[in-house]
């Protein structure tokens, strides 16, 4: 609280107000006029956000001082929020009350941000569900349509070329549906903190060979070359082999999907300061920084002109990141529009089993 007499001279400064204004001692000198008081506060830099508007702000305060209009909120240079109220007494004295509302403003800001995040999440999930209805209906229509044709004998004998073609489409659509449903179940499990790891030493060579074989057909259909880039370290990785394979396959299928024909997708394992690094690199359509942030969020599939034509629920990268984090690893994406994308998963050193320990273990087993 501050009190000014009928001549607008300062006659009282409460201890709490002294604490608020301790950085501007000149403002607390008894006898100072109200106009000089607020000018001193402004000139001291107490409210730097007024730069270029100082005179207007002072004029507004003088007006409120002479004709109070209700409380106002002020944010100072130290991020302190004050609610200022001017009260004019019958004897001509003016009393100014300042209430610290910093915590209230923080809560208000947090509430607004939470509401914004909730709105974004709700909108994102709505868009995701709309996309999923398309993703699920398309293969289902294929399964139902081609199976009905076979049932009615349109495809000829089951061994005929057309029947085999129909069965191939049914199989491919069924597998696509299974992947979609599995991804949804996995991300739900991870988000609910119900995903457990079954860990053991994993051979990088055997795992990589298996993943290359499993993505070979997709690469051939897309006209994309798949290669093992560089020599694989003899080290082993202590991890869940099923979830580790899931990470690699998701990254590779994603890279193939967004690569141009005749381009290459490379899988590599690197060693950096005892940490094993999984790297999947492509020379495809690439992403912007903003697109990367969206792509890493569950249900945040990027919906622009480059990705609308590619099937998928947009859960691959979020699942990879979550599975990496369950292993204590970090997933990072480097990408440039129309140049390509590199995804690196860096596992902590304690998960690396050096080659000499691997060899020692094998020797002891075989005598």
Protein backbone atom coordinates (compact mmCIF):
# COMPACT_ATOMS: atom_id res chain seq x y z
CA UNK A 1 0.00 0.00 0.00
CA UNK A 2 1.10 3.58 -0.80
CA UNK A 3 -0.64 6.74 0.38
CA UNK A 4 -0.44 10.16 -1.27
CA UNK A 5 -1.90 13.27 0.38
CA UNK A 6 -4.29 15.77 -1.20
CA UNK A 7 -1.34 17.45 -2.94
CA UNK A 8 -0.32 14.12 -4.48
CA UNK A 9 2.78 13.88 -2.27
CA UNK A 10 3.95 10.51 -0.94
CA UNK A 11 3.33 10.22 2.83
CA UNK A 12 3.33 6.45 3.43
CA UNK A 13 5.03 3.36 1.99
CA UNK A 14 4.16 -0.08 3.47
CA UNK A 15 6.89 -2.63 4.15
CA UNK A 16 5.46 -4.96 1.51
CA UNK A 17 5.54 -2.16 -1.08
CA UNK A 18 9.11 -1.36 -0.07
CA UNK A 19 9.97 -4.98 -0.85
CA UNK A 20 8.32 -4.68 -4.28
CA UNK A 21 10.25 -1.46 -5.05
CA UNK A 22 13.57 -2.21 -3.32
CA UNK A 23 15.39 -2.00 -6.66
CA UNK A 24 14.21 1.64 -7.04
CA UNK A 25 14.97 3.35 -3.69
CA UNK A 26 14.33 6.85 -5.13
CA UNK A 27 10.67 5.92 -5.57
CA UNK A 28 10.25 5.52 -1.81
CA UNK A 29 11.36 9.00 -0.73
CA UNK A 30 8.61 10.70 1.27
CA UNK A 31 7.37 13.91 -0.30
CA UNK A 32 7.91 12.77 -3.90
CA UNK A 33 4.96 13.58 -6.17
CA UNK A 34 2.94 10.82 -7.77
CA UNK A 35 4.04 11.89 -11.25
CA UNK A 36 7.71 11.80 -10.22
CA UNK A 37 7.11 8.49 -8.47
CA UNK A 38 5.84 6.72 -11.58
CA UNK A 39 8.42 8.47 -13.79
CA UNK A 40 11.17 7.16 -11.47
CA UNK A 41 9.77 3.63 -11.70
CA UNK A 42 9.63 3.80 -15.50
CA UNK A 43 13.10 5.35 -15.89
CA UNK A 44 14.61 2.67 -13.63
CA UNK A 45 13.61 -0.04 -16.09
CA UNK A 46 11.11 -1.60 -13.72
CA UNK A 47 8.76 -2.09 -16.69
CA UNK A 48 10.92 -2.47 -19.83
CA UNK A 49 7.96 -3.61 -21.94
CA UNK A 50 6.86 0.05 -22.06
CA UNK A 51 9.72 1.01 -24.36
CA UNK A 52 8.48 3.72 -26.69
CA UNK A 53 5.19 4.05 -24.81
CA UNK A 54 6.42 5.54 -21.55
CA UNK A 55 4.65 8.91 -21.85
CA UNK A 56 1.32 7.33 -22.77
CA UNK A 57 1.58 4.91 -19.85
CA UNK A 58 2.39 7.75 -17.39
CA UNK A 59 -0.52 9.81 -18.74
CA UNK A 60 -2.86 6.84 -18.22
CA UNK A 61 -1.63 6.40 -14.61
CA UNK A 62 -2.15 10.09 -13.86
CA UNK A 63 -5.69 9.81 -15.19
CA UNK A 64 -6.40 6.76 -13.02
CA UNK A 65 -4.82 8.48 -10.01
CA UNK A 66 -7.20 11.44 -10.35
CA UNK A 67 -10.23 9.40 -11.45
CA UNK A 68 -9.93 5.75 -10.38
CA UNK A 69 -11.43 3.28 -12.87
CA UNK A 70 -10.86 -0.06 -11.17
CA UNK A 71 -7.88 -2.43 -10.84
CA UNK A 72 -5.26 -3.02 -13.56
CA UNK A 73 -2.62 -5.73 -14.02
CA UNK A 74 1.06 -4.88 -14.45
CA UNK A 75 3.95 -7.19 -15.36
CA UNK A 76 7.39 -6.02 -14.23
CA UNK A 77 10.91 -6.75 -15.45
CA UNK A 78 11.35 -9.48 -12.82
CA UNK A 79 8.26 -11.32 -14.12
CA UNK A 80 6.35 -10.24 -11.02
CA UNK A 81 2.66 -9.61 -11.72
CA UNK A 82 0.89 -6.96 -9.62
CA UNK A 83 -2.76 -6.00 -9.54
CA UNK A 84 -2.86 -2.24 -8.92
CA UNK A 85 -5.98 -0.52 -7.56
CA UNK A 86 -6.37 3.25 -7.07
CA UNK A 87 -8.74 4.50 -4.33
CA UNK A 88 -9.52 8.21 -3.83
CA UNK A 89 -10.67 9.18 -0.32
CA UNK A 90 -13.10 11.95 0.57
CA UNK A 91 -10.28 14.05 2.08
CA UNK A 92 -8.49 14.06 -1.27
CA UNK A 93 -5.93 11.44 -0.25
CA UNK A 94 -5.08 8.67 -2.71
CA UNK A 95 -4.37 5.11 -1.65
CA UNK A 96 -2.74 2.65 -4.05
CA UNK A 97 -3.00 -1.07 -3.34
CA UNK A 98 -0.66 -3.53 -5.06
CA UNK A 99 -1.42 -7.25 -4.82
CA UNK A 100 1.04 -9.91 -5.91
CA UNK A 101 -0.89 -12.10 -8.41
CA UNK A 102 2.14 -13.84 -9.91
CA UNK A 103 1.05 -17.35 -8.89
CA UNK A 104 -2.47 -16.69 -10.13
CA UNK A 105 -1.14 -15.55 -13.52
CA UNK A 106 1.08 -18.63 -13.75
CA UNK A 107 -1.89 -20.86 -12.99
CA UNK A 108 -3.95 -18.97 -15.52
CA UNK A 109 -1.22 -19.38 -18.16
CA UNK A 110 -0.88 -23.10 -17.38
CA UNK A 111 -4.64 -23.52 -17.65
CA UNK A 112 -4.74 -21.76 -21.02
CA UNK A 113 -1.80 -23.84 -22.30
CA UNK A 114 -3.45 -27.04 -21.02
CA UNK A 115 -6.68 -26.13 -22.78
CA UNK A 116 -4.76 -25.38 -26.00
CA UNK A 117 -2.87 -28.68 -25.77
CA UNK A 118 -6.12 -30.54 -25.07
CA UNK A 119 -7.74 -28.88 -28.07
CA UNK A 120 -4.76 -29.75 -30.29
CA UNK A 121 -4.73 -33.34 -29.01
CA UNK A 122 -8.46 -33.66 -29.57
CA UNK A 123 -8.19 -32.24 -33.09
CA UNK A 124 -5.19 -34.48 -33.85
CA UNK A 125 -7.03 -37.59 -32.68
CA UNK A 126 -10.10 -36.62 -34.69
CA UNK A 127 -7.92 -36.27 -37.80
CA UNK A 128 -6.20 -39.54 -36.96
CA UNK A 129 -9.51 -41.39 -36.64
CA UNK A 130 -10.68 -39.92 -39.95
CA UNK A 131 -7.45 -41.12 -41.55
CA UNK A 132 -7.72 -44.52 -39.86
CA UNK A 133 -11.26 -45.06 -41.17
CA UNK A 134 -9.81 -44.71 -44.67
CA UNK A 135 -6.77 -46.86 -43.88
CA UNK A 136 -8.95 -49.65 -42.48
CA UNK A 137 -11.72 -49.50 -45.07
CA UNK A 138 -9.41 -49.66 -48.10
CA UNK A 139 -7.82 -53.07 -47.34
CA UNK A 140 -11.09 -54.38 -45.90
CA UNK A 141 -12.87 -53.54 -49.13
CA UNK A 142 -10.14 -55.42 -51.02
CA UNK A 143 -10.45 -58.47 -48.75
CA UNK A 144 -14.24 -58.54 -49.00
CA UNK A 145 -14.38 -57.71 -52.70
CA UNK A 146 -11.80 -60.19 -53.96
CA UNK A 147 -13.00 -62.98 -51.64
CA UNK A 148 -16.56 -62.50 -52.94
CA UNK A 149 -15.32 -62.72 -56.52
CA UNK A 150 -13.60 -65.99 -55.68
CA UNK A 151 -16.71 -67.29 -53.87
CA UNK A 152 -18.83 -66.56 -56.93
CA UNK A 153 -16.28 -68.18 -59.24
CA UNK A 154 -15.38 -64.98 -61.08
CA UNK A 155 -11.68 -65.66 -60.63
CA UNK A 156 -11.93 -69.13 -62.12
CA UNK A 157 -10.26 -72.16 -60.50
CA UNK A 158 -8.27 -71.50 -57.33
CA UNK A 159 -5.10 -72.31 -59.23
CA UNK A 160 -5.81 -69.95 -62.09
CA UNK A 161 -3.66 -66.86 -62.66
CA UNK A 162 -6.51 -64.46 -61.84
CA UNK A 163 -7.47 -66.37 -58.67
CA UNK A 164 -3.84 -66.29 -57.49
CA UNK A 165 -3.76 -62.55 -58.18
CA UNK A 166 -6.94 -62.08 -56.11
CA UNK A 167 -5.53 -64.21 -53.27
CA UNK A 168 -2.30 -62.21 -53.34
CA UNK A 169 -4.28 -58.97 -52.98
CA UNK A 170 -6.29 -60.48 -50.12
CA UNK A 171 -3.09 -61.60 -48.38
CA UNK A 172 -1.42 -58.22 -48.82
CA UNK A 173 -4.50 -56.35 -47.57
CA UNK A 174 -4.80 -58.67 -44.58
CA UNK A 175 -1.16 -58.10 -43.64
CA UNK A 176 -1.65 -54.34 -43.97
CA UNK A 177 -4.66 -54.52 -41.62
CA UNK A 178 -2.67 -56.62 -39.15
CA UNK A 179 0.15 -54.02 -39.15
CA UNK A 180 -2.31 -51.18 -38.53
CA UNK A 181 -4.03 -52.97 -35.68
CA UNK A 182 -0.70 -54.06 -34.16
CA UNK A 183 0.61 -50.48 -34.28
CA UNK A 184 -2.51 -49.15 -32.56
CA UNK A 185 -2.28 -51.81 -29.84
CA UNK A 186 1.45 -51.20 -29.37
CA UNK A 187 1.18 -47.41 -29.03
CA UNK A 188 -1.74 -47.86 -26.61
CA UNK A 189 0.32 -50.28 -24.53
CA UNK A 190 3.34 -48.00 -24.50
CA UNK A 191 1.28 -44.90 -23.62
CA UNK A 192 -0.32 -46.86 -20.75
CA UNK A 193 3.17 -47.87 -19.53
CA UNK A 194 2.31 -51.55 -19.93
CA UNK A 195 5.02 -52.52 -22.42
CA UNK A 196 7.62 -54.87 -20.90
CA UNK A 197 10.94 -55.82 -22.51
CA UNK A 198 12.26 -59.38 -22.78
CA UNK A 199 15.99 -58.62 -23.08
CA UNK A 200 18.94 -60.74 -24.17
CA UNK A 201 22.20 -60.35 -26.14
CA UNK A 202 21.31 -59.71 -29.80
CA UNK A 203 23.53 -60.42 -32.80
CA UNK A 204 23.53 -57.29 -34.97
CA UNK A 205 24.51 -59.22 -38.10
CA UNK A 206 21.75 -61.83 -37.81
CA UNK A 207 19.13 -59.22 -36.93
CA UNK A 208 20.16 -56.93 -39.80
CA UNK A 209 20.14 -59.78 -42.34
CA UNK A 210 16.64 -60.77 -41.23
CA UNK A 211 15.32 -57.20 -41.50
CA UNK A 212 16.83 -56.79 -44.97
CA UNK A 213 15.13 -60.00 -46.12
CA UNK A 214 11.79 -58.90 -44.66
CA UNK A 215 11.86 -55.52 -46.45
CA UNK A 216 13.27 -56.84 -49.73
CA UNK A 217 9.87 -57.37 -51.33
CA UNK A 218 8.63 -53.89 -50.38
CA UNK A 219 11.80 -52.38 -51.79
CA UNK A 220 11.46 -54.28 -55.08
CA UNK A 221 7.81 -53.20 -55.48
CA UNK A 222 8.80 -49.56 -54.83
CA UNK A 223 11.86 -49.77 -57.09
CA UNK A 224 14.08 -48.79 -54.15
CA UNK A 225 17.50 -50.33 -53.51
CA UNK A 226 18.14 -51.62 -49.97
CA UNK A 227 21.66 -52.07 -48.69
CA UNK A 228 23.67 -52.76 -45.59
CA UNK A 229 25.94 -49.73 -45.37
CA UNK A 230 29.38 -50.49 -43.99
CA UNK A 231 30.69 -53.30 -41.85
CA UNK A 232 28.59 -54.35 -38.87
CA UNK A 233 30.51 -54.27 -35.53
CA UNK A 234 31.14 -57.64 -33.90
CA UNK A 235 29.55 -56.30 -30.72
CA UNK A 236 26.21 -57.51 -29.45
CA UNK A 237 23.40 -55.35 -28.09
CA UNK A 238 21.55 -56.21 -24.89
CA UNK A 239 17.95 -55.59 -25.91
CA UNK A 240 14.54 -57.07 -26.61
CA UNK A 241 15.12 -58.71 -30.04
CA UNK A 242 11.45 -58.50 -31.06
CA UNK A 243 11.16 -54.80 -30.19
CA UNK A 244 14.57 -54.04 -31.70
CA UNK A 245 13.48 -55.72 -34.94
CA UNK A 246 10.26 -53.70 -34.77
CA UNK A 247 12.28 -50.46 -34.59
CA UNK A 248 14.44 -51.42 -37.58
CA UNK A 249 11.52 -52.61 -39.72
CA UNK A 250 9.45 -49.50 -38.96
CA UNK A 251 12.34 -47.22 -39.88
CA UNK A 252 13.18 -49.13 -43.04
CA UNK A 253 9.59 -49.46 -44.31
CA UNK A 254 9.10 -45.75 -43.63
CA UNK A 255 12.30 -44.90 -45.55
CA UNK A 256 11.25 -47.10 -48.50
CA UNK A 257 7.74 -45.62 -48.54
CA UNK A 258 9.01 -42.05 -48.84
CA UNK A 259 11.92 -42.76 -51.23
CA UNK A 260 11.94 -42.19 -54.95
CA UNK A 261 12.35 -45.14 -57.37
CA UNK A 262 15.97 -46.04 -58.12
CA UNK A 263 17.07 -44.39 -54.84
CA UNK A 264 18.71 -46.25 -51.95
CA UNK A 265 17.78 -46.97 -48.35
CA UNK A 266 20.76 -47.85 -46.17
CA UNK A 267 20.90 -49.69 -42.84
CA UNK A 268 24.04 -49.27 -40.74
CA UNK A 269 25.44 -49.91 -37.27
CA UNK A 270 28.08 -47.55 -35.86
CA UNK A 271 30.19 -47.40 -32.70
CA UNK A 272 30.71 -44.05 -30.97
CA UNK A 273 32.35 -43.89 -27.54
CA UNK A 274 31.19 -47.43 -26.65
CA UNK A 275 27.61 -46.63 -27.74
CA UNK A 276 26.00 -48.63 -30.54
CA UNK A 277 24.13 -46.47 -33.06
CA UNK A 278 21.47 -47.79 -35.41
CA UNK A 279 21.22 -45.64 -38.56
CA UNK A 280 18.65 -45.76 -41.36
CA UNK A 281 19.27 -43.33 -44.19
CA UNK A 282 17.24 -42.49 -47.30
CA UNK A 283 17.33 -39.96 -50.13
CA UNK A 284 13.60 -39.47 -50.31
CA UNK A 285 11.16 -36.57 -49.93
CA UNK A 286 12.57 -35.42 -46.58
CA UNK A 287 10.89 -33.37 -43.86
CA UNK A 288 10.99 -29.89 -42.39
CA UNK A 289 11.78 -29.32 -38.69
CA UNK A 290 8.08 -28.69 -38.05
CA UNK A 291 7.12 -31.91 -39.83
CA UNK A 292 9.62 -33.91 -37.77
CA UNK A 293 8.04 -32.68 -34.53
CA UNK A 294 4.59 -33.70 -35.79
CA UNK A 295 5.76 -37.07 -37.09
CA UNK A 296 7.21 -38.04 -33.70
CA UNK A 297 3.92 -37.50 -31.89
CA UNK A 298 1.33 -40.30 -31.70
CA UNK A 299 -1.57 -39.75 -34.10
CA UNK A 300 0.40 -36.92 -35.69
CA UNK A 301 0.80 -38.20 -39.25
CA UNK A 302 1.98 -35.40 -41.53
CA UNK A 303 -0.81 -34.58 -43.94
CA UNK A 304 0.68 -32.59 -46.76
CA UNK A 305 0.70 -33.01 -50.50
CA UNK A 306 3.74 -35.28 -50.34
CA UNK A 307 2.36 -37.77 -47.82
CA UNK A 308 -1.34 -38.02 -48.57
CA UNK A 309 -0.64 -40.59 -51.29
CA UNK A 310 1.23 -42.93 -48.92
CA UNK A 311 -0.61 -45.48 -46.83
CA UNK A 312 -0.04 -45.64 -43.08
CA UNK A 313 -1.44 -44.54 -39.74
CA UNK A 314 1.54 -42.37 -38.84
CA UNK A 315 2.41 -44.49 -35.79
CA UNK A 316 5.73 -45.93 -36.98
CA UNK A 317 8.04 -43.16 -35.78
CA UNK A 318 6.25 -42.58 -32.44
CA UNK A 319 6.43 -46.32 -31.72
CA UNK A 320 10.15 -46.37 -32.65
CA UNK A 321 10.88 -43.45 -30.35
CA UNK A 322 8.95 -44.97 -27.44
CA UNK A 323 10.58 -48.39 -27.88
CA UNK A 324 14.00 -46.73 -28.08
CA UNK A 325 13.30 -44.83 -24.86
CA UNK A 326 12.28 -48.08 -23.14
CA UNK A 327 15.82 -49.27 -23.95
CA UNK A 328 17.30 -46.04 -22.59
CA UNK A 329 18.16 -45.00 -26.14
CA UNK A 330 17.66 -41.70 -27.97
CA UNK A 331 16.06 -41.41 -31.40
CA UNK A 332 17.03 -38.37 -33.47
CA UNK A 333 16.01 -37.37 -36.97
CA UNK A 334 18.01 -35.28 -39.42
CA UNK A 335 16.11 -34.39 -42.56
CA UNK A 336 16.00 -31.90 -45.38
CA UNK A 337 13.14 -31.35 -47.78
CA UNK A 338 13.68 -33.08 -51.15
CA UNK A 339 17.11 -34.33 -49.99
CA UNK A 340 16.41 -37.18 -47.60
CA UNK A 341 16.22 -38.33 -43.99
CA UNK A 342 18.58 -40.00 -41.54
CA UNK A 343 17.26 -41.56 -38.34
CA UNK A 344 19.73 -42.48 -35.61
CA UNK A 345 18.98 -44.51 -32.50
CA UNK A 346 21.82 -44.24 -29.97
CA UNK A 347 21.85 -46.96 -27.31
CA UNK A 348 23.59 -46.32 -23.95
CA UNK A 349 27.09 -47.84 -23.49
CA UNK A 350 25.87 -50.23 -20.78
CA UNK A 351 23.83 -52.09 -23.41
CA UNK A 352 26.87 -52.70 -25.60
CA UNK A 353 28.52 -56.13 -25.28
CA UNK A 354 32.08 -55.81 -26.68
CA UNK A 355 33.30 -58.31 -29.26
CA UNK A 356 35.91 -59.80 -26.91
CA UNK A 357 33.25 -60.60 -24.31
CA UNK A 358 31.06 -62.16 -26.97
CA UNK A 359 33.97 -64.33 -28.20
CA UNK A 360 34.87 -65.27 -24.63
CA UNK A 361 31.30 -66.36 -23.92
CA UNK A 362 31.22 -68.51 -27.10
CA UNK A 363 34.56 -70.11 -26.26
CA UNK A 364 33.41 -71.10 -22.79
CA UNK A 365 30.24 -72.66 -24.20
CA UNK A 366 32.14 -74.75 -26.78
CA UNK A 367 34.82 -75.87 -24.34
